[in-house]
Amino acid sequence: MTGLDDFAARFRSDIRAELDWERLAEMRAGVRVETLGQRAGRRRLAELFTVWYAGPEGDDSSWSAPGSRPLRVAAADRTLPSWPVERRRAVTALTRAFAEGPEPLPLTLPAYRVDEDRCVLLDGNHRAVAAHRTGADIHLTLWSLSGPVCESILPDLRHYAAPLT
């Protein structure tokens, strides 16, 4: 385990999600670092949840919209036709750049652990989806916070209080 201070020093300035850093510090949230190479890294990346959502009709939605559900990295581009233009452009450009880069692709991402196996990305959603879209193997370093699964810590966590189907 690595500490919250290390996590914050590495990622705080990049995380735009409404994460309650003070409460995490009070609760002494834990941090786990996983490093997975090649196919194992790609499989783990595919399982991560993004902070992107699909609405009941399968189109892009917000976390707070009724009936919205979180998308895993492997499924995120199912809503691509309805993505905001900037997201589509950024993911497309990153996909091209990653396809021309080294393999396995090196990727370091921060996440929030909602149970033993599931994590929600706190930053790097564009990079994660683009890297997965290339089909390349991934060298993944995943830093995940462990704390309570409640929306007062992070609003997106309301989707994980009950098991996903």
N, C-alpha and C. Protein backbone atom coordinates (compact mmCIF):
# COMPACT_ATOMS: atom_id res chain seq x y z
N MET A 1 0.83 -1.20 0.00
CA MET A 1 0.00 0.00 0.00
C MET A 1 0.87 1.25 0.00
N THR A 2 0.44 2.22 -0.74
CA THR A 2 1.08 3.52 -0.79
C THR A 2 0.10 4.51 -0.19
N GLY A 3 0.58 5.61 0.35
CA GLY A 3 -0.28 6.53 1.06
C GLY A 3 -1.02 7.54 0.19
N LEU A 4 -2.03 8.11 0.82
CA LEU A 4 -2.84 9.13 0.18
C LEU A 4 -1.98 10.34 -0.21
N ASP A 5 -0.99 10.68 0.60
CA ASP A 5 -0.12 11.82 0.27
C ASP A 5 0.62 11.58 -1.05
N ASP A 6 1.10 10.36 -1.26
CA ASP A 6 1.78 10.02 -2.51
C ASP A 6 0.81 10.12 -3.69
N PHE A 7 -0.40 9.60 -3.48
CA PHE A 7 -1.42 9.64 -4.52
C PHE A 7 -1.74 11.09 -4.89
N ALA A 8 -1.97 11.91 -3.86
CA ALA A 8 -2.32 13.32 -4.08
C ALA A 8 -1.18 14.07 -4.78
N ALA A 9 0.05 13.82 -4.37
CA ALA A 9 1.19 14.49 -4.99
C ALA A 9 1.28 14.15 -6.48
N ARG A 10 0.96 12.94 -6.81
CA ARG A 10 1.08 12.48 -8.20
C ARG A 10 -0.10 12.91 -9.07
N PHE A 11 -1.33 12.91 -8.50
CA PHE A 11 -2.52 13.06 -9.35
C PHE A 11 -3.45 14.23 -9.03
N ARG A 12 -3.35 14.83 -7.86
CA ARG A 12 -4.37 15.81 -7.45
C ARG A 12 -4.58 16.93 -8.47
N SER A 13 -3.51 17.46 -9.03
CA SER A 13 -3.67 18.59 -9.95
C SER A 13 -4.36 18.18 -11.25
N ASP A 14 -4.36 16.90 -11.58
CA ASP A 14 -4.98 16.43 -12.82
C ASP A 14 -6.42 15.96 -12.63
N ILE A 15 -6.79 15.61 -11.43
CA ILE A 15 -8.14 15.07 -11.18
C ILE A 15 -9.13 16.22 -11.06
N ARG A 16 -10.08 16.26 -12.00
CA ARG A 16 -11.09 17.31 -11.99
C ARG A 16 -12.39 16.85 -11.35
N ALA A 17 -12.50 15.57 -11.09
CA ALA A 17 -13.70 15.03 -10.45
C ALA A 17 -13.87 15.67 -9.07
N GLU A 18 -15.09 15.72 -8.62
CA GLU A 18 -15.42 16.34 -7.33
C GLU A 18 -15.10 15.41 -6.17
N LEU A 19 -13.84 15.09 -6.02
CA LEU A 19 -13.36 14.19 -4.99
C LEU A 19 -13.16 14.96 -3.69
N ASP A 20 -13.68 14.45 -2.58
CA ASP A 20 -13.54 15.11 -1.29
C ASP A 20 -12.22 14.67 -0.65
N TRP A 21 -11.15 15.39 -0.99
CA TRP A 21 -9.81 15.05 -0.52
C TRP A 21 -9.70 15.14 1.00
N GLU A 22 -10.33 16.14 1.60
CA GLU A 22 -10.25 16.29 3.06
C GLU A 22 -10.86 15.10 3.78
N ARG A 23 -12.01 14.67 3.32
CA ARG A 23 -12.68 13.53 3.96
C ARG A 23 -11.87 12.25 3.77
N LEU A 24 -11.27 12.09 2.60
CA LEU A 24 -10.42 10.92 2.37
C LEU A 24 -9.24 10.91 3.33
N ALA A 25 -8.67 12.08 3.57
CA ALA A 25 -7.54 12.18 4.51
C ALA A 25 -8.00 11.86 5.93
N GLU A 26 -9.16 12.41 6.33
CA GLU A 26 -9.69 12.12 7.66
C GLU A 26 -9.94 10.63 7.86
N MET A 27 -10.39 9.96 6.82
CA MET A 27 -10.72 8.54 6.90
C MET A 27 -9.51 7.65 6.66
N ARG A 28 -8.37 8.30 6.39
CA ARG A 28 -7.14 7.56 6.11
C ARG A 28 -7.33 6.55 4.98
N ALA A 29 -7.83 7.07 3.87
CA ALA A 29 -8.07 6.23 2.70
C ALA A 29 -6.77 5.55 2.28
N GLY A 30 -6.90 4.32 1.89
CA GLY A 30 -5.74 3.57 1.43
C GLY A 30 -5.52 3.76 -0.06
N VAL A 31 -4.36 3.36 -0.50
CA VAL A 31 -4.02 3.42 -1.91
C VAL A 31 -3.34 2.10 -2.28
N ARG A 32 -3.78 1.53 -3.38
CA ARG A 32 -3.16 0.31 -3.89
C ARG A 32 -2.58 0.62 -5.27
N VAL A 33 -1.40 0.12 -5.53
CA VAL A 33 -0.78 0.28 -6.84
C VAL A 33 -0.64 -1.10 -7.47
N GLU A 34 -1.22 -1.25 -8.65
CA GLU A 34 -1.12 -2.48 -9.42
C GLU A 34 -0.33 -2.19 -10.68
N THR A 35 0.57 -3.08 -11.03
CA THR A 35 1.29 -2.96 -12.30
C THR A 35 1.08 -4.26 -13.06
N LEU A 36 0.50 -4.12 -14.24
CA LEU A 36 0.20 -5.28 -15.07
C LEU A 36 0.76 -5.05 -16.46
N GLY A 37 1.34 -6.06 -17.01
CA GLY A 37 1.95 -5.93 -18.32
C GLY A 37 1.16 -6.62 -19.41
N GLN A 38 1.30 -6.11 -20.59
CA GLN A 38 0.83 -6.65 -21.84
C GLN A 38 -0.63 -7.08 -21.83
N ARG A 39 -0.92 -8.36 -22.05
CA ARG A 39 -2.33 -8.78 -22.16
C ARG A 39 -3.07 -8.59 -20.84
N ALA A 40 -2.41 -8.87 -19.72
CA ALA A 40 -3.06 -8.68 -18.42
C ALA A 40 -3.38 -7.20 -18.21
N GLY A 41 -2.49 -6.31 -18.64
CA GLY A 41 -2.74 -4.88 -18.54
C GLY A 41 -3.91 -4.46 -19.41
N ARG A 42 -3.99 -5.02 -20.61
CA ARG A 42 -5.10 -4.71 -21.51
C ARG A 42 -6.43 -5.20 -20.93
N ARG A 43 -6.43 -6.41 -20.36
CA ARG A 43 -7.67 -6.94 -19.76
C ARG A 43 -8.13 -6.08 -18.59
N ARG A 44 -7.19 -5.70 -17.73
CA ARG A 44 -7.54 -4.87 -16.57
C ARG A 44 -8.04 -3.50 -17.02
N LEU A 45 -7.39 -2.91 -18.01
CA LEU A 45 -7.82 -1.62 -18.55
C LEU A 45 -9.26 -1.72 -19.05
N ALA A 46 -9.59 -2.76 -19.78
CA ALA A 46 -10.93 -2.94 -20.34
C ALA A 46 -12.01 -2.97 -19.27
N GLU A 47 -11.67 -3.50 -18.09
CA GLU A 47 -12.64 -3.64 -16.99
C GLU A 47 -12.91 -2.35 -16.22
N LEU A 48 -12.00 -1.40 -16.30
CA LEU A 48 -12.15 -0.17 -15.53
C LEU A 48 -13.38 0.60 -15.99
N PHE A 49 -14.04 1.26 -15.03
CA PHE A 49 -15.17 2.11 -15.37
C PHE A 49 -14.68 3.52 -15.66
N THR A 50 -15.25 4.13 -16.66
CA THR A 50 -14.96 5.53 -16.98
C THR A 50 -15.93 6.40 -16.18
N VAL A 51 -15.79 7.70 -16.31
CA VAL A 51 -16.78 8.64 -15.75
C VAL A 51 -17.68 9.12 -16.89
N TRP A 52 -17.82 8.27 -17.90
CA TRP A 52 -18.73 8.51 -19.01
C TRP A 52 -19.90 7.56 -18.86
N TYR A 53 -21.06 8.01 -19.29
CA TYR A 53 -22.29 7.27 -19.03
C TYR A 53 -23.12 7.10 -20.28
N ALA A 54 -23.93 6.06 -20.28
CA ALA A 54 -24.91 5.83 -21.35
C ALA A 54 -26.29 6.01 -20.76
N GLY A 55 -27.14 6.67 -21.51
CA GLY A 55 -28.52 6.84 -21.10
C GLY A 55 -29.34 5.62 -21.47
N PRO A 56 -30.62 5.61 -21.12
CA PRO A 56 -31.48 4.46 -21.39
C PRO A 56 -31.54 4.08 -22.88
N GLU A 57 -31.34 5.03 -23.76
CA GLU A 57 -31.39 4.76 -25.21
C GLU A 57 -30.02 4.36 -25.76
N GLY A 58 -28.99 4.32 -24.90
CA GLY A 58 -27.66 3.95 -25.34
C GLY A 58 -26.81 5.10 -25.83
N ASP A 59 -27.29 6.33 -25.66
CA ASP A 59 -26.52 7.49 -26.08
C ASP A 59 -25.74 8.06 -24.91
N ASP A 60 -24.80 8.96 -25.21
CA ASP A 60 -23.99 9.60 -24.18
C ASP A 60 -24.90 10.32 -23.19
N SER A 61 -24.55 10.25 -21.92
CA SER A 61 -25.37 10.84 -20.87
C SER A 61 -24.47 11.37 -19.77
N SER A 62 -25.05 12.04 -18.79
CA SER A 62 -24.28 12.52 -17.64
C SER A 62 -24.50 11.59 -16.46
N TRP A 63 -23.61 11.68 -15.48
CA TRP A 63 -23.69 10.82 -14.31
C TRP A 63 -24.99 11.03 -13.54
N SER A 64 -25.55 12.25 -13.63
CA SER A 64 -26.72 12.57 -12.81
C SER A 64 -28.05 12.37 -13.54
N ALA A 65 -28.01 12.00 -14.81
CA ALA A 65 -29.25 11.83 -15.57
C ALA A 65 -29.97 10.56 -15.13
N PRO A 66 -31.30 10.63 -14.98
CA PRO A 66 -32.05 9.43 -14.60
C PRO A 66 -31.80 8.29 -15.60
N GLY A 67 -31.55 7.11 -15.06
CA GLY A 67 -31.35 5.94 -15.91
C GLY A 67 -29.97 5.81 -16.52
N SER A 68 -29.07 6.76 -16.24
CA SER A 68 -27.73 6.65 -16.82
C SER A 68 -26.96 5.54 -16.11
N ARG A 69 -26.05 4.92 -16.87
CA ARG A 69 -25.24 3.86 -16.29
C ARG A 69 -23.79 4.05 -16.71
N PRO A 70 -22.86 3.75 -15.82
CA PRO A 70 -21.44 3.94 -16.14
C PRO A 70 -20.98 2.96 -17.21
N LEU A 71 -20.01 3.40 -17.99
CA LEU A 71 -19.45 2.58 -19.06
C LEU A 71 -18.03 2.14 -18.72
N ARG A 72 -17.75 0.88 -18.97
CA ARG A 72 -16.39 0.39 -18.83
C ARG A 72 -15.56 0.89 -20.02
N VAL A 73 -14.26 0.91 -19.85
CA VAL A 73 -13.37 1.34 -20.93
C VAL A 73 -13.66 0.56 -22.21
N ALA A 74 -13.84 -0.74 -22.11
CA ALA A 74 -14.06 -1.57 -23.30
C ALA A 74 -15.35 -1.24 -24.03
N ALA A 75 -16.32 -0.66 -23.33
CA ALA A 75 -17.62 -0.38 -23.93
C ALA A 75 -17.86 1.10 -24.18
N ALA A 76 -16.95 1.94 -23.78
CA ALA A 76 -17.19 3.39 -23.82
C ALA A 76 -17.47 3.91 -25.21
N ASP A 77 -16.80 3.35 -26.22
CA ASP A 77 -17.01 3.92 -27.55
C ASP A 77 -18.31 3.47 -28.21
N ARG A 78 -19.12 2.68 -27.50
CA ARG A 78 -20.47 2.36 -28.01
C ARG A 78 -21.32 3.62 -28.14
N THR A 79 -21.01 4.61 -27.32
CA THR A 79 -21.77 5.86 -27.36
C THR A 79 -21.07 6.92 -28.21
N LEU A 80 -20.00 6.54 -28.92
CA LEU A 80 -19.18 7.49 -29.69
C LEU A 80 -19.99 8.42 -30.59
N PRO A 81 -20.99 7.95 -31.34
CA PRO A 81 -21.71 8.88 -32.22
C PRO A 81 -22.37 10.05 -31.48
N SER A 82 -22.66 9.86 -30.19
CA SER A 82 -23.32 10.94 -29.44
C SER A 82 -22.36 11.69 -28.52
N TRP A 83 -21.08 11.39 -28.58
CA TRP A 83 -20.10 12.08 -27.75
C TRP A 83 -20.01 13.55 -28.13
N PRO A 84 -19.67 14.40 -27.17
CA PRO A 84 -19.35 15.79 -27.52
C PRO A 84 -18.18 15.80 -28.51
N VAL A 85 -18.17 16.76 -29.41
CA VAL A 85 -17.16 16.82 -30.47
C VAL A 85 -15.75 16.81 -29.90
N GLU A 86 -15.48 17.58 -28.84
CA GLU A 86 -14.13 17.64 -28.29
C GLU A 86 -13.66 16.28 -27.77
N ARG A 87 -14.55 15.51 -27.14
CA ARG A 87 -14.18 14.19 -26.65
C ARG A 87 -13.85 13.27 -27.83
N ARG A 88 -14.69 13.31 -28.84
CA ARG A 88 -14.48 12.46 -30.02
C ARG A 88 -13.13 12.79 -30.67
N ARG A 89 -12.86 14.08 -30.84
CA ARG A 89 -11.58 14.50 -31.45
C ARG A 89 -10.39 14.07 -30.60
N ALA A 90 -10.48 14.28 -29.30
CA ALA A 90 -9.36 13.94 -28.42
C ALA A 90 -9.09 12.43 -28.43
N VAL A 91 -10.14 11.62 -28.34
CA VAL A 91 -9.95 10.17 -28.33
C VAL A 91 -9.43 9.69 -29.68
N THR A 92 -9.93 10.25 -30.75
CA THR A 92 -9.45 9.86 -32.08
C THR A 92 -7.98 10.21 -32.26
N ALA A 93 -7.59 11.41 -31.84
CA ALA A 93 -6.19 11.83 -31.96
C ALA A 93 -5.27 10.96 -31.09
N LEU A 94 -5.69 10.68 -29.87
CA LEU A 94 -4.90 9.83 -28.99
C LEU A 94 -4.80 8.40 -29.53
N THR A 95 -5.88 7.89 -30.09
CA THR A 95 -5.85 6.55 -30.66
C THR A 95 -4.80 6.47 -31.77
N ARG A 96 -4.79 7.46 -32.64
CA ARG A 96 -3.80 7.50 -33.72
C ARG A 96 -2.38 7.57 -33.16
N ALA A 97 -2.16 8.45 -32.18
CA ALA A 97 -0.83 8.60 -31.60
C ALA A 97 -0.37 7.31 -30.91
N PHE A 98 -1.27 6.69 -30.16
CA PHE A 98 -0.92 5.45 -29.48
C PHE A 98 -0.63 4.32 -30.47
N ALA A 99 -1.37 4.28 -31.58
CA ALA A 99 -1.17 3.23 -32.59
C ALA A 99 0.23 3.32 -33.20
N GLU A 100 0.80 4.51 -33.20
CA GLU A 100 2.14 4.71 -33.77
C GLU A 100 3.24 4.60 -32.71
N GLY A 101 2.85 4.44 -31.45
CA GLY A 101 3.83 4.40 -30.36
C GLY A 101 4.31 3.00 -30.04
N PRO A 102 5.06 2.90 -28.95
CA PRO A 102 5.63 1.61 -28.55
C PRO A 102 4.54 0.66 -28.04
N GLU A 103 4.85 -0.61 -28.10
CA GLU A 103 3.95 -1.61 -27.53
C GLU A 103 4.78 -2.52 -26.64
N PRO A 104 4.36 -2.83 -25.44
CA PRO A 104 3.08 -2.43 -24.88
C PRO A 104 3.04 -0.93 -24.56
N LEU A 105 1.85 -0.36 -24.68
CA LEU A 105 1.67 1.06 -24.39
C LEU A 105 1.78 1.29 -22.89
N PRO A 106 2.62 2.23 -22.44
CA PRO A 106 2.69 2.54 -21.01
C PRO A 106 1.55 3.47 -20.61
N LEU A 107 0.84 3.13 -19.55
CA LEU A 107 -0.30 3.93 -19.11
C LEU A 107 -0.35 3.91 -17.59
N THR A 108 -0.36 5.10 -16.97
CA THR A 108 -0.50 5.23 -15.52
C THR A 108 -1.78 6.00 -15.26
N LEU A 109 -2.66 5.41 -14.44
CA LEU A 109 -3.99 5.99 -14.22
C LEU A 109 -4.37 5.99 -12.75
N PRO A 110 -5.09 7.05 -12.31
CA PRO A 110 -5.65 7.08 -10.96
C PRO A 110 -7.11 6.60 -10.99
N ALA A 111 -7.51 5.90 -9.95
CA ALA A 111 -8.87 5.38 -9.90
C ALA A 111 -9.37 5.34 -8.46
N TYR A 112 -10.66 5.05 -8.34
CA TYR A 112 -11.28 4.86 -7.03
C TYR A 112 -11.82 3.44 -6.99
N ARG A 113 -11.39 2.66 -6.01
CA ARG A 113 -11.79 1.26 -5.90
C ARG A 113 -13.16 1.18 -5.23
N VAL A 114 -14.12 0.59 -5.94
CA VAL A 114 -15.47 0.48 -5.39
C VAL A 114 -15.74 -0.90 -4.78
N ASP A 115 -14.93 -1.85 -5.09
CA ASP A 115 -14.90 -3.14 -4.41
C ASP A 115 -13.60 -3.82 -4.82
N GLU A 116 -13.44 -5.07 -4.47
CA GLU A 116 -12.16 -5.74 -4.72
C GLU A 116 -11.76 -5.75 -6.19
N ASP A 117 -12.72 -5.83 -7.08
CA ASP A 117 -12.41 -5.97 -8.50
C ASP A 117 -12.72 -4.75 -9.36
N ARG A 118 -13.56 -3.84 -8.89
CA ARG A 118 -14.03 -2.73 -9.74
C ARG A 118 -13.42 -1.40 -9.30
N CYS A 119 -13.00 -0.63 -10.33
CA CYS A 119 -12.43 0.70 -10.09
C CYS A 119 -13.03 1.69 -11.10
N VAL A 120 -13.19 2.93 -10.65
CA VAL A 120 -13.67 4.03 -11.48
C VAL A 120 -12.49 4.96 -11.74
N LEU A 121 -12.23 5.25 -13.00
CA LEU A 121 -11.14 6.17 -13.34
C LEU A 121 -11.43 7.57 -12.82
N LEU A 122 -10.44 8.20 -12.23
CA LEU A 122 -10.56 9.57 -11.75
C LEU A 122 -9.97 10.57 -12.75
N ASP A 123 -9.13 10.09 -13.63
CA ASP A 123 -8.52 10.90 -14.67
C ASP A 123 -8.02 9.93 -15.74
N GLY A 124 -7.80 10.44 -16.94
CA GLY A 124 -7.23 9.61 -17.99
C GLY A 124 -8.25 8.82 -18.79
N ASN A 125 -9.53 9.21 -18.71
CA ASN A 125 -10.56 8.49 -19.46
C ASN A 125 -10.28 8.50 -20.96
N HIS A 126 -9.91 9.66 -21.49
CA HIS A 126 -9.61 9.77 -22.93
C HIS A 126 -8.44 8.84 -23.30
N ARG A 127 -7.39 8.89 -22.49
CA ARG A 127 -6.21 8.05 -22.77
C ARG A 127 -6.55 6.57 -22.65
N ALA A 128 -7.31 6.22 -21.63
CA ALA A 128 -7.67 4.81 -21.41
C ALA A 128 -8.49 4.25 -22.57
N VAL A 129 -9.50 4.98 -22.99
CA VAL A 129 -10.35 4.51 -24.08
C VAL A 129 -9.56 4.47 -25.38
N ALA A 130 -8.75 5.48 -25.64
CA ALA A 130 -7.94 5.51 -26.85
C ALA A 130 -6.95 4.34 -26.87
N ALA A 131 -6.28 4.10 -25.76
CA ALA A 131 -5.32 2.99 -25.69
C ALA A 131 -6.03 1.66 -25.94
N HIS A 132 -7.19 1.48 -25.37
CA HIS A 132 -7.93 0.24 -25.57
C HIS A 132 -8.35 0.09 -27.03
N ARG A 133 -8.76 1.17 -27.65
CA ARG A 133 -9.21 1.12 -29.05
C ARG A 133 -8.11 0.69 -30.01
N THR A 134 -6.85 0.88 -29.65
CA THR A 134 -5.76 0.50 -30.55
C THR A 134 -5.65 -1.02 -30.70
N GLY A 135 -6.11 -1.76 -29.71
CA GLY A 135 -5.95 -3.21 -29.73
C GLY A 135 -4.58 -3.65 -29.22
N ALA A 136 -3.74 -2.70 -28.84
CA ALA A 136 -2.38 -3.01 -28.40
C ALA A 136 -2.37 -3.55 -26.98
N ASP A 137 -1.28 -4.24 -26.65
CA ASP A 137 -1.05 -4.63 -25.27
C ASP A 137 -0.71 -3.37 -24.47
N ILE A 138 -0.99 -3.41 -23.17
CA ILE A 138 -0.83 -2.24 -22.30
C ILE A 138 0.07 -2.60 -21.12
N HIS A 139 0.98 -1.70 -20.78
CA HIS A 139 1.71 -1.80 -19.51
C HIS A 139 1.00 -0.81 -18.59
N LEU A 140 0.11 -1.33 -17.75
CA LEU A 140 -0.76 -0.51 -16.91
C LEU A 140 -0.24 -0.41 -15.49
N THR A 141 -0.14 0.82 -15.02
CA THR A 141 0.10 1.07 -13.60
C THR A 141 -1.13 1.79 -13.09
N LEU A 142 -1.88 1.12 -12.24
CA LEU A 142 -3.15 1.64 -11.73
C LEU A 142 -2.99 1.97 -10.25
N TRP A 143 -3.18 3.25 -9.93
CA TRP A 143 -3.18 3.72 -8.55
C TRP A 143 -4.63 3.86 -8.14
N SER A 144 -5.08 3.09 -7.16
CA SER A 144 -6.49 3.17 -6.78
C SER A 144 -6.66 3.50 -5.31
N LEU A 145 -7.52 4.49 -5.09
CA LEU A 145 -7.91 4.88 -3.73
C LEU A 145 -8.91 3.87 -3.18
N SER A 146 -8.80 3.58 -1.90
CA SER A 146 -9.78 2.73 -1.23
C SER A 146 -10.42 3.53 -0.12
N GLY A 147 -11.70 3.74 -0.24
CA GLY A 147 -12.45 4.50 0.76
C GLY A 147 -13.90 4.09 0.69
N PRO A 148 -14.77 4.81 1.39
CA PRO A 148 -16.18 4.45 1.36
C PRO A 148 -16.79 4.70 -0.02
N VAL A 149 -17.74 3.86 -0.36
CA VAL A 149 -18.43 3.99 -1.65
C VAL A 149 -19.70 4.79 -1.40
N CYS A 150 -19.52 6.12 -1.33
CA CYS A 150 -20.66 7.00 -1.10
C CYS A 150 -20.48 8.27 -1.92
N GLU A 151 -21.61 8.82 -2.36
CA GLU A 151 -21.54 9.96 -3.25
C GLU A 151 -21.06 11.24 -2.59
N SER A 152 -20.98 11.28 -1.26
CA SER A 152 -20.43 12.47 -0.62
C SER A 152 -18.90 12.53 -0.80
N ILE A 153 -18.28 11.41 -1.08
CA ILE A 153 -16.85 11.36 -1.38
C ILE A 153 -16.62 11.73 -2.84
N LEU A 154 -17.46 11.18 -3.72
CA LEU A 154 -17.38 11.42 -5.16
C LEU A 154 -18.79 11.17 -5.71
N PRO A 155 -19.42 12.18 -6.32
CA PRO A 155 -20.80 12.01 -6.77
C PRO A 155 -21.03 10.78 -7.66
N ASP A 156 -20.07 10.44 -8.50
CA ASP A 156 -20.22 9.28 -9.38
C ASP A 156 -20.43 7.97 -8.61
N LEU A 157 -20.00 7.92 -7.37
CA LEU A 157 -20.08 6.67 -6.61
C LEU A 157 -21.50 6.23 -6.31
N ARG A 158 -22.47 7.11 -6.53
CA ARG A 158 -23.86 6.70 -6.31
C ARG A 158 -24.25 5.53 -7.21
N HIS A 159 -23.56 5.38 -8.32
CA HIS A 159 -23.85 4.29 -9.25
C HIS A 159 -23.29 2.94 -8.78
N TYR A 160 -22.46 2.96 -7.76
CA TYR A 160 -21.78 1.74 -7.34
C TYR A 160 -22.19 1.27 -5.96
N ALA A 161 -23.13 1.93 -5.33
CA ALA A 161 -23.58 1.54 -4.00
C ALA A 161 -24.24 0.17 -4.03
N ALA A 162 -24.85 -0.17 -5.15
CA ALA A 162 -25.45 -1.49 -5.34
C ALA A 162 -24.73 -2.18 -6.50
N PRO A 163 -24.71 -3.48 -6.52
CA PRO A 163 -24.02 -4.19 -7.61
C PRO A 163 -24.60 -3.82 -8.98
N LEU A 164 -23.71 -3.69 -9.95
CA LEU A 164 -24.13 -3.43 -11.32
C LEU A 164 -24.55 -4.73 -11.98
N THR A 165 -25.53 -4.63 -12.85
CA THR A 165 -25.95 -5.84 -13.57
C THR A 165 -25.41 -5.82 -14.97
